[in-house]
Amino acid sequence: MNDISRSFALVRVVLALFVIITTIFTIGVLYYTFESADKERYAVYVVDSRNTLKLALTEDVKINRKAEAEAIVKRLHELLFVLSPNADFIKNNLETAQYLSGNDVKGYCNSMKENGFYNSLVANGISTEFLCDSIIVQQDDKYEYKAILYGKTSLVSSDKIVFRKFVTESFLQGCVRDELDPQGFLVERWRIVSQEELGVVERQKYSPVVDQDTLTNN
């Protein structure tokens, strides 16, 4: 009888140890799973030359987030202010800019379109260029970041170049990353705070010099 009691006691001890070990193992697996998911959430993705998303394993989004905010603000302004006299190029730039932003940028593009600005670029062979002087990115209570950009633009035509400087303000909200938006930001409440013409530079027109003796001989 004592042997049977000892056997049952041993079985209970073994079962208890098995349950404890299984519980510890399960908790460990769950912890590792959640830890991996959390790390994946903060991973940074980059786009290679083939527009393929790749994981930048050495980066931490918490450290790099501010730099990403600066990058998307600069990119948005390049899309809006670096234009060539090509209708398809302008269309693609504006569509991408509107994809990265809210209705404010769409309203700006529609206003410029209604004023005939883009058609004028194509019809007159005019291009525009953009130079970013600086970007100030600050944390915001409502949005993830507030960004202020100081920059310059130039309107290049065949006879002159018009230089302007401007300041814009925008707010950034995190969103899902994709090929068009690898930084994972949506630019909202974008507006031009101020703009000022810096000056106009006349371009020298080419006037070939013709040798009068050559004309006479011919």
N, C-alpha and C. Protein backbone atom coordinates (compact mmCIF):
# COMPACT_ATOMS: atom_id res chain seq x y z
N MET A 1 0.83 -1.21 0.00
CA MET A 1 0.00 0.00 0.00
C MET A 1 0.86 1.25 0.00
N ASN A 2 1.94 1.19 0.80
CA ASN A 2 2.86 2.32 0.83
C ASN A 2 3.53 2.54 -0.51
N ASP A 3 3.85 1.41 -1.20
CA ASP A 3 4.47 1.52 -2.51
C ASP A 3 3.54 2.22 -3.50
N ILE A 4 2.23 1.88 -3.42
CA ILE A 4 1.25 2.51 -4.33
C ILE A 4 1.16 4.00 -4.04
N SER A 5 1.14 4.36 -2.74
CA SER A 5 1.05 5.78 -2.37
C SER A 5 2.27 6.55 -2.86
N ARG A 6 3.45 5.89 -2.69
CA ARG A 6 4.66 6.57 -3.15
C ARG A 6 4.65 6.72 -4.67
N SER A 7 4.12 5.73 -5.39
CA SER A 7 4.06 5.80 -6.85
C SER A 7 3.17 6.95 -7.31
N PHE A 8 1.97 7.07 -6.66
CA PHE A 8 1.07 8.17 -7.00
C PHE A 8 1.70 9.52 -6.67
N ALA A 9 2.40 9.61 -5.56
CA ALA A 9 3.07 10.86 -5.19
C ALA A 9 4.13 11.22 -6.21
N LEU A 10 4.86 10.21 -6.69
CA LEU A 10 5.88 10.45 -7.69
C LEU A 10 5.27 10.92 -9.00
N VAL A 11 4.15 10.27 -9.36
CA VAL A 11 3.46 10.67 -10.59
C VAL A 11 3.00 12.12 -10.50
N ARG A 12 2.44 12.51 -9.31
CA ARG A 12 1.98 13.89 -9.13
C ARG A 12 3.14 14.88 -9.23
N VAL A 13 4.27 14.51 -8.68
CA VAL A 13 5.44 15.39 -8.75
C VAL A 13 5.90 15.55 -10.20
N VAL A 14 5.93 14.42 -10.92
CA VAL A 14 6.36 14.46 -12.32
C VAL A 14 5.40 15.31 -13.15
N LEU A 15 4.08 15.12 -12.91
CA LEU A 15 3.08 15.92 -13.65
C LEU A 15 3.20 17.40 -13.32
N ALA A 16 3.43 17.69 -12.04
CA ALA A 16 3.58 19.09 -11.64
C ALA A 16 4.80 19.72 -12.31
N LEU A 17 5.92 18.99 -12.33
CA LEU A 17 7.12 19.50 -12.99
C LEU A 17 6.89 19.70 -14.48
N PHE A 18 6.15 18.75 -15.10
CA PHE A 18 5.85 18.86 -16.53
C PHE A 18 5.02 20.10 -16.81
N VAL A 19 3.99 20.34 -15.97
CA VAL A 19 3.14 21.52 -16.16
C VAL A 19 3.95 22.80 -15.99
N ILE A 20 4.82 22.83 -14.97
CA ILE A 20 5.63 24.03 -14.73
C ILE A 20 6.56 24.30 -15.90
N ILE A 21 7.24 23.25 -16.36
CA ILE A 21 8.17 23.40 -17.48
C ILE A 21 7.43 23.84 -18.75
N THR A 22 6.26 23.23 -18.99
CA THR A 22 5.46 23.59 -20.18
C THR A 22 5.00 25.05 -20.10
N THR A 23 4.59 25.47 -18.90
CA THR A 23 4.13 26.85 -18.71
C THR A 23 5.27 27.84 -18.97
N ILE A 24 6.44 27.53 -18.40
CA ILE A 24 7.60 28.41 -18.60
C ILE A 24 7.96 28.48 -20.09
N PHE A 25 7.93 27.34 -20.76
CA PHE A 25 8.25 27.31 -22.19
C PHE A 25 7.25 28.13 -22.99
N THR A 26 5.96 28.00 -22.66
CA THR A 26 4.91 28.74 -23.37
C THR A 26 5.07 30.24 -23.18
N ILE A 27 5.34 30.64 -21.93
CA ILE A 27 5.54 32.06 -21.64
C ILE A 27 6.75 32.59 -22.41
N GLY A 28 7.81 31.78 -22.47
CA GLY A 28 9.00 32.20 -23.21
C GLY A 28 8.73 32.39 -24.68
N VAL A 29 7.98 31.47 -25.27
CA VAL A 29 7.64 31.56 -26.69
C VAL A 29 6.79 32.80 -26.96
N LEU A 30 5.78 33.05 -26.09
CA LEU A 30 4.93 34.23 -26.26
C LEU A 30 5.72 35.52 -26.13
N TYR A 31 6.64 35.56 -25.15
CA TYR A 31 7.45 36.76 -24.95
C TYR A 31 8.32 37.02 -26.18
N TYR A 32 8.94 35.96 -26.69
CA TYR A 32 9.80 36.10 -27.86
C TYR A 32 8.99 36.57 -29.08
N THR A 33 7.77 36.04 -29.21
CA THR A 33 6.91 36.41 -30.34
C THR A 33 6.54 37.88 -30.29
N PHE A 34 6.08 38.34 -29.12
CA PHE A 34 5.71 39.75 -28.98
C PHE A 34 6.91 40.67 -29.11
N GLU A 35 8.06 40.23 -28.61
CA GLU A 35 9.27 41.04 -28.72
C GLU A 35 9.69 41.18 -30.17
N SER A 36 9.58 40.09 -30.94
CA SER A 36 9.93 40.14 -32.36
C SER A 36 8.96 41.02 -33.13
N ALA A 37 7.67 40.93 -32.80
CA ALA A 37 6.67 41.76 -33.47
C ALA A 37 6.90 43.23 -33.18
N ASP A 38 7.29 43.55 -31.94
CA ASP A 38 7.55 44.94 -31.57
C ASP A 38 8.77 45.48 -32.31
N LYS A 39 9.81 44.66 -32.42
CA LYS A 39 11.00 45.08 -33.16
C LYS A 39 10.68 45.28 -34.63
N GLU A 40 9.83 44.41 -35.18
CA GLU A 40 9.44 44.53 -36.59
C GLU A 40 8.66 45.82 -36.83
N ARG A 41 7.86 46.23 -35.83
CA ARG A 41 7.07 47.44 -35.97
C ARG A 41 7.95 48.67 -36.08
N TYR A 42 9.11 48.62 -35.45
CA TYR A 42 10.02 49.75 -35.46
C TYR A 42 11.16 49.60 -36.46
N ALA A 43 11.03 48.65 -37.37
CA ALA A 43 12.07 48.46 -38.37
C ALA A 43 11.96 49.55 -39.43
N VAL A 44 13.07 49.85 -40.08
CA VAL A 44 13.12 50.85 -41.14
C VAL A 44 13.29 50.14 -42.48
N TYR A 45 12.48 50.54 -43.46
CA TYR A 45 12.58 49.97 -44.80
C TYR A 45 13.12 51.03 -45.76
N VAL A 46 13.91 50.59 -46.69
CA VAL A 46 14.46 51.48 -47.71
C VAL A 46 14.09 50.93 -49.08
N VAL A 47 14.11 51.82 -50.07
CA VAL A 47 13.77 51.43 -51.43
C VAL A 47 15.05 51.40 -52.25
N ASP A 48 15.30 50.27 -52.93
CA ASP A 48 16.50 50.18 -53.74
C ASP A 48 16.22 50.71 -55.14
N SER A 49 17.20 50.55 -56.04
CA SER A 49 17.08 51.11 -57.38
C SER A 49 15.95 50.48 -58.19
N ARG A 50 15.49 49.31 -57.76
CA ARG A 50 14.39 48.64 -58.47
C ARG A 50 13.06 48.86 -57.77
N ASN A 51 13.01 49.85 -56.87
CA ASN A 51 11.79 50.16 -56.11
C ASN A 51 11.31 48.98 -55.29
N THR A 52 12.24 48.20 -54.76
CA THR A 52 11.92 47.06 -53.91
C THR A 52 12.19 47.43 -52.45
N LEU A 53 11.22 47.17 -51.58
CA LEU A 53 11.40 47.47 -50.17
C LEU A 53 12.38 46.49 -49.54
N LYS A 54 13.39 47.01 -48.86
CA LYS A 54 14.35 46.19 -48.17
C LYS A 54 14.46 46.65 -46.72
N LEU A 55 14.69 45.70 -45.83
CA LEU A 55 14.78 45.99 -44.42
C LEU A 55 16.20 46.46 -44.07
N ALA A 56 16.29 47.63 -43.46
CA ALA A 56 17.58 48.13 -43.00
C ALA A 56 17.78 47.66 -41.56
N LEU A 57 18.43 46.53 -41.40
CA LEU A 57 18.52 45.88 -40.10
C LEU A 57 19.31 46.68 -39.08
N THR A 58 20.20 47.52 -39.51
CA THR A 58 21.05 48.25 -38.58
C THR A 58 20.42 49.53 -38.08
N GLU A 59 19.24 49.86 -38.56
CA GLU A 59 18.61 51.12 -38.19
C GLU A 59 17.47 50.89 -37.19
N ASP A 60 17.21 51.89 -36.40
CA ASP A 60 16.10 51.87 -35.46
C ASP A 60 15.22 53.06 -35.79
N VAL A 61 13.94 52.81 -36.05
CA VAL A 61 13.05 53.88 -36.50
C VAL A 61 12.91 54.97 -35.45
N LYS A 62 13.05 54.65 -34.18
CA LYS A 62 12.95 55.67 -33.15
C LYS A 62 14.09 56.68 -33.27
N ILE A 63 15.25 56.20 -33.66
CA ILE A 63 16.42 57.07 -33.81
C ILE A 63 16.36 57.81 -35.12
N ASN A 64 15.88 57.13 -36.17
CA ASN A 64 15.93 57.67 -37.53
C ASN A 64 14.66 58.41 -37.93
N ARG A 65 13.65 58.43 -37.08
CA ARG A 65 12.34 58.97 -37.45
C ARG A 65 12.41 60.45 -37.84
N LYS A 66 13.17 61.22 -37.11
CA LYS A 66 13.26 62.66 -37.40
C LYS A 66 13.92 62.89 -38.76
N ALA A 67 14.95 62.10 -39.06
CA ALA A 67 15.61 62.22 -40.36
C ALA A 67 14.66 61.83 -41.49
N GLU A 68 13.81 60.83 -41.23
CA GLU A 68 12.82 60.42 -42.23
C GLU A 68 11.80 61.53 -42.46
N ALA A 69 11.44 62.24 -41.39
CA ALA A 69 10.50 63.35 -41.52
C ALA A 69 11.09 64.45 -42.40
N GLU A 70 12.35 64.77 -42.18
CA GLU A 70 13.02 65.77 -43.02
C GLU A 70 13.07 65.31 -44.48
N ALA A 71 13.32 64.01 -44.68
CA ALA A 71 13.45 63.48 -46.03
C ALA A 71 12.15 63.59 -46.81
N ILE A 72 11.02 63.29 -46.17
CA ILE A 72 9.76 63.32 -46.93
C ILE A 72 9.31 64.75 -47.18
N VAL A 73 9.60 65.67 -46.26
CA VAL A 73 9.27 67.07 -46.49
C VAL A 73 10.06 67.61 -47.68
N LYS A 74 11.34 67.30 -47.72
CA LYS A 74 12.18 67.74 -48.84
C LYS A 74 11.70 67.12 -50.15
N ARG A 75 11.36 65.84 -50.11
CA ARG A 75 10.91 65.15 -51.33
C ARG A 75 9.61 65.75 -51.84
N LEU A 76 8.69 66.08 -50.94
CA LEU A 76 7.43 66.67 -51.36
C LEU A 76 7.67 67.99 -52.10
N HIS A 77 8.57 68.81 -51.59
CA HIS A 77 8.85 70.09 -52.23
C HIS A 77 9.57 69.90 -53.56
N GLU A 78 10.41 68.89 -53.66
CA GLU A 78 11.05 68.59 -54.95
C GLU A 78 10.01 68.20 -55.99
N LEU A 79 9.02 67.43 -55.58
CA LEU A 79 7.96 67.02 -56.50
C LEU A 79 7.13 68.22 -56.96
N LEU A 80 6.93 69.18 -56.07
CA LEU A 80 6.10 70.34 -56.39
C LEU A 80 6.85 71.42 -57.17
N PHE A 81 8.15 71.54 -56.90
CA PHE A 81 8.87 72.70 -57.44
C PHE A 81 10.01 72.35 -58.39
N VAL A 82 10.26 71.09 -58.65
CA VAL A 82 11.22 70.71 -59.69
C VAL A 82 10.42 70.16 -60.87
N LEU A 83 10.21 71.03 -61.87
CA LEU A 83 9.33 70.69 -62.99
C LEU A 83 10.03 71.00 -64.30
N SER A 84 9.72 70.22 -65.30
CA SER A 84 10.26 70.45 -66.65
C SER A 84 9.09 70.71 -67.59
N PRO A 85 9.36 71.29 -68.76
CA PRO A 85 8.28 71.56 -69.71
C PRO A 85 7.80 70.29 -70.41
N ASN A 86 7.42 69.31 -69.62
CA ASN A 86 6.93 68.03 -70.12
C ASN A 86 5.67 67.68 -69.36
N ALA A 87 4.58 67.55 -70.08
CA ALA A 87 3.28 67.35 -69.43
C ALA A 87 3.24 66.07 -68.60
N ASP A 88 3.81 64.98 -69.11
CA ASP A 88 3.80 63.72 -68.38
C ASP A 88 4.65 63.80 -67.11
N PHE A 89 5.79 64.47 -67.21
CA PHE A 89 6.65 64.63 -66.04
C PHE A 89 5.93 65.42 -64.96
N ILE A 90 5.29 66.51 -65.33
CA ILE A 90 4.55 67.33 -64.37
C ILE A 90 3.41 66.53 -63.74
N LYS A 91 2.68 65.79 -64.56
CA LYS A 91 1.56 65.00 -64.06
C LYS A 91 2.02 63.96 -63.04
N ASN A 92 3.10 63.24 -63.35
CA ASN A 92 3.60 62.21 -62.44
C ASN A 92 4.08 62.83 -61.12
N ASN A 93 4.77 63.97 -61.20
CA ASN A 93 5.23 64.63 -59.99
C ASN A 93 4.07 65.05 -59.10
N LEU A 94 3.08 65.67 -59.70
CA LEU A 94 1.94 66.17 -58.92
C LEU A 94 1.12 65.02 -58.32
N GLU A 95 0.96 63.95 -59.07
CA GLU A 95 0.20 62.80 -58.54
C GLU A 95 0.93 62.19 -57.34
N THR A 96 2.25 62.06 -57.42
CA THR A 96 3.02 61.51 -56.31
C THR A 96 2.97 62.45 -55.12
N ALA A 97 3.07 63.75 -55.36
CA ALA A 97 3.01 64.74 -54.28
C ALA A 97 1.67 64.66 -53.56
N GLN A 98 0.59 64.51 -54.30
CA GLN A 98 -0.74 64.44 -53.69
C GLN A 98 -0.93 63.12 -52.95
N TYR A 99 -0.26 62.07 -53.40
CA TYR A 99 -0.33 60.77 -52.71
C TYR A 99 0.33 60.87 -51.32
N LEU A 100 1.39 61.67 -51.22
CA LEU A 100 2.14 61.79 -49.97
C LEU A 100 1.54 62.80 -49.00
N SER A 101 0.47 63.47 -49.40
CA SER A 101 -0.02 64.60 -48.62
C SER A 101 -1.54 64.62 -48.54
N GLY A 102 -2.03 65.62 -47.80
CA GLY A 102 -3.47 65.78 -47.62
C GLY A 102 -4.08 66.68 -48.68
N ASN A 103 -5.28 67.18 -48.40
CA ASN A 103 -6.03 67.96 -49.38
C ASN A 103 -5.42 69.33 -49.63
N ASP A 104 -4.57 69.81 -48.72
CA ASP A 104 -3.99 71.14 -48.90
C ASP A 104 -3.09 71.19 -50.14
N VAL A 105 -2.27 70.17 -50.33
CA VAL A 105 -1.41 70.12 -51.51
C VAL A 105 -2.25 69.95 -52.77
N LYS A 106 -3.29 69.14 -52.69
CA LYS A 106 -4.18 68.97 -53.83
C LYS A 106 -4.82 70.29 -54.22
N GLY A 107 -5.24 71.06 -53.21
CA GLY A 107 -5.83 72.37 -53.48
C GLY A 107 -4.84 73.32 -54.12
N TYR A 108 -3.59 73.27 -53.66
CA TYR A 108 -2.54 74.12 -54.26
C TYR A 108 -2.32 73.75 -55.73
N CYS A 109 -2.22 72.45 -56.02
CA CYS A 109 -2.00 71.99 -57.39
C CYS A 109 -3.17 72.38 -58.29
N ASN A 110 -4.39 72.23 -57.79
CA ASN A 110 -5.57 72.60 -58.58
C ASN A 110 -5.60 74.10 -58.87
N SER A 111 -5.20 74.89 -57.87
CA SER A 111 -5.18 76.34 -58.05
C SER A 111 -4.15 76.74 -59.11
N MET A 112 -2.96 76.14 -59.05
CA MET A 112 -1.93 76.45 -60.05
C MET A 112 -2.36 75.99 -61.44
N LYS A 113 -3.08 74.88 -61.48
CA LYS A 113 -3.56 74.36 -62.77
C LYS A 113 -4.61 75.28 -63.36
N GLU A 114 -5.53 75.75 -62.52
CA GLU A 114 -6.58 76.65 -62.98
C GLU A 114 -6.00 77.98 -63.47
N ASN A 115 -4.89 78.40 -62.87
CA ASN A 115 -4.24 79.64 -63.29
C ASN A 115 -3.40 79.46 -64.55
N GLY A 116 -3.33 78.23 -65.05
CA GLY A 116 -2.59 77.97 -66.27
C GLY A 116 -1.09 77.89 -66.11
N PHE A 117 -0.63 77.72 -64.86
CA PHE A 117 0.81 77.72 -64.61
C PHE A 117 1.51 76.54 -65.29
N TYR A 118 0.96 75.34 -65.13
CA TYR A 118 1.61 74.15 -65.69
C TYR A 118 1.55 74.15 -67.22
N ASN A 119 0.44 74.59 -67.78
CA ASN A 119 0.35 74.69 -69.24
C ASN A 119 1.34 75.70 -69.78
N SER A 120 1.58 76.75 -69.01
CA SER A 120 2.53 77.78 -69.43
C SER A 120 3.95 77.22 -69.48
N LEU A 121 4.29 76.35 -68.52
CA LEU A 121 5.61 75.73 -68.52
C LEU A 121 5.83 74.92 -69.80
N VAL A 122 4.83 74.14 -70.15
CA VAL A 122 4.95 73.27 -71.33
C VAL A 122 4.97 74.10 -72.61
N ALA A 123 4.08 75.10 -72.69
CA ALA A 123 3.95 75.88 -73.92
C ALA A 123 5.18 76.76 -74.19
N ASN A 124 5.80 77.24 -73.13
CA ASN A 124 6.91 78.20 -73.29
C ASN A 124 8.28 77.60 -73.00
N GLY A 125 8.33 76.28 -72.78
CA GLY A 125 9.62 75.64 -72.55
C GLY A 125 10.30 76.10 -71.27
N ILE A 126 9.52 76.30 -70.21
CA ILE A 126 10.05 76.81 -68.93
C ILE A 126 10.21 75.66 -67.95
N SER A 127 11.29 75.68 -67.20
CA SER A 127 11.51 74.69 -66.15
C SER A 127 11.65 75.40 -64.80
N THR A 128 11.40 74.69 -63.74
CA THR A 128 11.55 75.25 -62.40
C THR A 128 12.50 74.38 -61.59
N GLU A 129 13.26 75.01 -60.71
CA GLU A 129 14.21 74.30 -59.87
C GLU A 129 13.98 74.66 -58.41
N PHE A 130 14.49 73.83 -57.52
CA PHE A 130 14.25 74.01 -56.09
C PHE A 130 15.53 73.77 -55.30
N LEU A 131 15.77 74.61 -54.31
CA LEU A 131 16.92 74.46 -53.42
C LEU A 131 16.41 74.53 -51.98
N CYS A 132 16.70 73.50 -51.20
CA CYS A 132 16.30 73.48 -49.80
C CYS A 132 17.41 74.09 -48.96
N ASP A 133 17.11 75.19 -48.26
CA ASP A 133 18.10 75.81 -47.38
C ASP A 133 18.17 75.10 -46.04
N SER A 134 17.01 74.86 -45.43
CA SER A 134 16.98 74.18 -44.13
C SER A 134 15.57 73.70 -43.83
N ILE A 135 15.49 72.69 -42.96
CA ILE A 135 14.21 72.16 -42.51
C ILE A 135 14.26 72.04 -40.98
N ILE A 136 13.27 72.59 -40.33
CA ILE A 136 13.16 72.48 -38.88
C ILE A 136 12.02 71.51 -38.57
N VAL A 137 12.33 70.43 -37.89
CA VAL A 137 11.34 69.42 -37.52
C VAL A 137 11.20 69.39 -36.01
N GLN A 138 9.97 69.59 -35.54
CA GLN A 138 9.69 69.62 -34.10
C GLN A 138 8.56 68.65 -33.78
N GLN A 139 8.59 68.10 -32.58
CA GLN A 139 7.49 67.25 -32.13
C GLN A 139 6.25 68.10 -31.89
N ASP A 140 5.10 67.51 -32.15
CA ASP A 140 3.84 68.25 -32.04
C ASP A 140 2.86 67.47 -31.17
N ASP A 141 1.99 68.20 -30.48
CA ASP A 141 1.04 67.56 -29.57
C ASP A 141 -0.01 66.74 -30.31
N LYS A 142 -0.51 67.27 -31.43
CA LYS A 142 -1.58 66.61 -32.17
C LYS A 142 -1.03 65.66 -33.22
N TYR A 143 -0.01 66.11 -33.95
CA TYR A 143 0.61 65.28 -34.98
C TYR A 143 1.94 64.75 -34.46
N GLU A 144 2.56 63.89 -35.26
CA GLU A 144 3.85 63.35 -34.84
C GLU A 144 4.94 64.41 -34.90
N TYR A 145 4.93 65.21 -35.99
CA TYR A 145 5.92 66.26 -36.14
C TYR A 145 5.30 67.48 -36.82
N LYS A 146 5.92 68.63 -36.57
CA LYS A 146 5.65 69.86 -37.32
C LYS A 146 6.93 70.21 -38.06
N ALA A 147 6.80 70.59 -39.34
CA ALA A 147 7.99 70.87 -40.15
C ALA A 147 7.88 72.25 -40.78
N ILE A 148 8.98 72.99 -40.72
CA ILE A 148 9.08 74.30 -41.38
C ILE A 148 10.26 74.23 -42.34
N LEU A 149 10.00 74.52 -43.61
CA LEU A 149 11.05 74.46 -44.63
C LEU A 149 11.35 75.85 -45.17
N TYR A 150 12.64 76.16 -45.28
CA TYR A 150 13.11 77.39 -45.90
C TYR A 150 13.80 77.00 -47.21
N GLY A 151 13.35 77.58 -48.31
CA GLY A 151 13.91 77.17 -49.59
C GLY A 151 13.85 78.27 -50.63
N LYS A 152 14.39 77.96 -51.79
CA LYS A 152 14.39 78.89 -52.91
C LYS A 152 13.95 78.14 -54.17
N THR A 153 13.35 78.88 -55.08
CA THR A 153 12.98 78.33 -56.38
C THR A 153 13.49 79.25 -57.48
N SER A 154 13.65 78.69 -58.65
CA SER A 154 14.02 79.49 -59.82
C SER A 154 13.15 79.08 -60.99
N LEU A 155 12.68 80.06 -61.72
CA LEU A 155 11.87 79.86 -62.91
C LEU A 155 12.75 80.15 -64.11
N VAL A 156 13.13 79.12 -64.85
CA VAL A 156 14.13 79.25 -65.91
C VAL A 156 13.44 79.24 -67.27
N SER A 157 13.51 80.36 -67.96
CA SER A 157 12.97 80.45 -69.32
C SER A 157 14.12 80.76 -70.28
N SER A 158 13.80 80.95 -71.54
CA SER A 158 14.85 81.15 -72.54
C SER A 158 15.55 82.49 -72.40
N ASP A 159 14.87 83.50 -71.83
CA ASP A 159 15.46 84.83 -71.77
C ASP A 159 15.80 85.33 -70.36
N LYS A 160 15.31 84.62 -69.32
CA LYS A 160 15.58 85.10 -67.96
C LYS A 160 15.38 83.98 -66.94
N ILE A 161 15.91 84.24 -65.73
CA ILE A 161 15.71 83.35 -64.59
C ILE A 161 15.17 84.17 -63.44
N VAL A 162 14.04 83.77 -62.92
CA VAL A 162 13.41 84.47 -61.80
C VAL A 162 13.66 83.68 -60.52
N PHE A 163 14.26 84.32 -59.53
CA PHE A 163 14.58 83.66 -58.26
C PHE A 163 13.60 84.11 -57.17
N ARG A 164 13.13 83.15 -56.40
CA ARG A 164 12.24 83.44 -55.27
C ARG A 164 12.67 82.64 -54.04
N LYS A 165 12.34 83.16 -52.88
CA LYS A 165 12.53 82.40 -51.65
C LYS A 165 11.18 82.25 -50.98
N PHE A 166 11.02 81.19 -50.22
CA PHE A 166 9.72 80.95 -49.58
C PHE A 166 9.90 80.13 -48.30
N VAL A 167 8.86 80.13 -47.51
CA VAL A 167 8.81 79.35 -46.26
C VAL A 167 7.50 78.57 -46.26
N THR A 168 7.56 77.28 -45.96
CA THR A 168 6.34 76.48 -45.88
C THR A 168 6.23 75.82 -44.50
N GLU A 169 5.01 75.51 -44.15
CA GLU A 169 4.72 74.84 -42.87
C GLU A 169 3.87 73.61 -43.15
N SER A 170 4.13 72.52 -42.44
CA SER A 170 3.34 71.30 -42.62
C SER A 170 3.41 70.47 -41.35
N PHE A 171 2.49 69.51 -41.25
CA PHE A 171 2.43 68.61 -40.11
C PHE A 171 2.48 67.17 -40.61
N LEU A 172 3.22 66.32 -39.91
CA LEU A 172 3.44 64.96 -40.37
C LEU A 172 2.76 63.96 -39.44
N GLN A 173 2.05 63.02 -40.06
CA GLN A 173 1.39 61.95 -39.33
C GLN A 173 1.88 60.61 -39.86
N GLY A 174 2.23 59.69 -38.97
CA GLY A 174 2.72 58.39 -39.39
C GLY A 174 1.66 57.60 -40.14
N CYS A 175 2.08 56.81 -41.12
CA CYS A 175 1.17 55.96 -41.88
C CYS A 175 1.94 54.73 -42.34
N VAL A 176 1.28 53.86 -43.08
CA VAL A 176 1.88 52.61 -43.55
C VAL A 176 2.93 52.92 -44.63
N ARG A 177 4.06 52.25 -44.56
CA ARG A 177 5.11 52.43 -45.55
C ARG A 177 4.78 51.64 -46.82
N ASP A 178 5.17 52.19 -47.96
CA ASP A 178 5.05 51.47 -49.22
C ASP A 178 6.11 51.99 -50.18
N GLU A 179 6.04 51.58 -51.43
CA GLU A 179 7.08 51.94 -52.39
C GLU A 179 7.11 53.44 -52.66
N LEU A 180 5.94 54.08 -52.71
CA LEU A 180 5.90 55.51 -52.95
C LEU A 180 6.19 56.32 -51.69
N ASP A 181 5.96 55.71 -50.54
CA ASP A 181 6.15 56.41 -49.26
C ASP A 181 6.98 55.55 -48.31
N PRO A 182 8.27 55.36 -48.59
CA PRO A 182 9.10 54.50 -47.74
C PRO A 182 9.33 55.06 -46.35
N GLN A 183 9.16 56.38 -46.17
CA GLN A 183 9.34 56.98 -44.84
C GLN A 183 8.13 56.76 -43.92
N GLY A 184 6.97 56.45 -44.49
CA GLY A 184 5.79 56.20 -43.68
C GLY A 184 5.22 57.44 -43.03
N PHE A 185 5.10 58.52 -43.79
CA PHE A 185 4.52 59.76 -43.29
C PHE A 185 3.48 60.28 -44.27
N LEU A 186 2.44 60.93 -43.72
CA LEU A 186 1.48 61.68 -44.52
C LEU A 186 1.65 63.15 -44.15
N VAL A 187 1.90 63.98 -45.16
CA VAL A 187 2.11 65.41 -44.93
C VAL A 187 0.76 66.12 -44.98
N GLU A 188 0.36 66.71 -43.86
CA GLU A 188 -0.94 67.36 -43.76
C GLU A 188 -0.79 68.84 -43.43
N ARG A 189 -1.85 69.59 -43.72
CA ARG A 189 -1.93 71.03 -43.42
C ARG A 189 -0.73 71.79 -44.00
N TRP A 190 -0.34 71.41 -45.21
CA TRP A 190 0.78 72.07 -45.88
C TRP A 190 0.33 73.43 -46.40
N ARG A 191 1.17 74.43 -46.19
CA ARG A 191 0.85 75.77 -46.69
C ARG A 191 2.12 76.58 -46.88
N ILE A 192 2.05 77.54 -47.80
CA ILE A 192 3.15 78.48 -48.00
C ILE A 192 2.95 79.64 -47.04
N VAL A 193 3.87 79.79 -46.11
CA VAL A 193 3.75 80.84 -45.09
C VAL A 193 4.11 82.20 -45.68
N SER A 194 5.19 82.24 -46.45
CA SER A 194 5.62 83.49 -47.07
C SER A 194 6.45 83.19 -48.31
N GLN A 195 6.45 84.14 -49.25
CA GLN A 195 7.30 84.01 -50.43
C GLN A 195 7.67 85.41 -50.92
N GLU A 196 8.85 85.49 -51.50
CA GLU A 196 9.38 86.80 -51.90
C GLU A 196 10.29 86.63 -53.11
N GLU A 197 10.15 87.54 -54.07
CA GLU A 197 11.02 87.49 -55.24
C GLU A 197 12.39 88.06 -54.89
N LEU A 198 13.44 87.33 -55.21
CA LEU A 198 14.80 87.76 -54.91
C LEU A 198 15.42 88.58 -56.03
N GLY A 199 15.02 88.29 -57.26
CA GLY A 199 15.57 89.04 -58.37
C GLY A 199 15.42 88.30 -59.68
N VAL A 200 15.77 88.99 -60.76
CA VAL A 200 15.66 88.44 -62.10
C VAL A 200 17.02 88.58 -62.79
N VAL A 201 17.48 87.50 -63.40
CA VAL A 201 18.73 87.52 -64.14
C VAL A 201 18.41 87.32 -65.62
N GLU A 202 18.82 88.29 -66.41
CA GLU A 202 18.60 88.19 -67.86
C GLU A 202 19.62 87.22 -68.45
N ARG A 203 19.18 86.34 -69.29
CA ARG A 203 20.06 85.39 -69.95
C ARG A 203 20.53 85.96 -71.28
N GLN A 204 21.80 85.79 -71.58
CA GLN A 204 22.33 86.28 -72.84
C GLN A 204 21.78 85.47 -74.00
N LYS A 205 21.27 86.17 -74.98
CA LYS A 205 20.76 85.50 -76.16
C LYS A 205 21.90 85.27 -77.15
N TYR A 206 21.88 84.10 -77.75
CA TYR A 206 22.94 83.75 -78.70
C TYR A 206 22.71 84.46 -80.03
N SER A 207 23.70 85.21 -80.44
CA SER A 207 23.61 85.92 -81.72
C SER A 207 24.87 85.61 -82.52
N PRO A 208 24.80 84.71 -83.47
CA PRO A 208 26.01 84.32 -84.22
C PRO A 208 26.59 85.47 -85.02
N VAL A 209 27.90 85.55 -85.00
CA VAL A 209 28.60 86.58 -85.75
C VAL A 209 28.90 86.04 -87.15
N VAL A 210 28.43 86.76 -88.17
CA VAL A 210 28.59 86.32 -89.55
C VAL A 210 29.67 87.17 -90.21
N ASP A 211 30.61 86.53 -90.80
CA ASP A 211 31.69 87.21 -91.51
C ASP A 211 31.15 87.80 -92.81
N GLN A 212 31.18 89.14 -92.89
CA GLN A 212 30.65 89.82 -94.08
C GLN A 212 31.38 89.42 -95.35
N ASP A 213 32.71 89.15 -95.26
CA ASP A 213 33.46 88.74 -96.46
C ASP A 213 32.96 87.39 -96.98
N THR A 214 32.59 86.54 -96.03
CA THR A 214 32.08 85.23 -96.41
C THR A 214 30.77 85.36 -97.18
N LEU A 215 29.90 86.29 -96.66
CA LEU A 215 28.62 86.51 -97.34
C LEU A 215 28.84 87.07 -98.74
N THR A 216 29.82 87.98 -98.84
CA THR A 216 30.08 88.61 -100.15
C THR A 216 30.60 87.59 -101.15
N ASN A 217 31.53 86.74 -100.66
CA ASN A 217 32.11 85.72 -101.54
C ASN A 217 31.08 84.72 -102.02
N ASN A 218 30.10 84.45 -101.12
CA ASN A 218 29.07 83.49 -101.50
C ASN A 218 28.05 84.14 -102.44
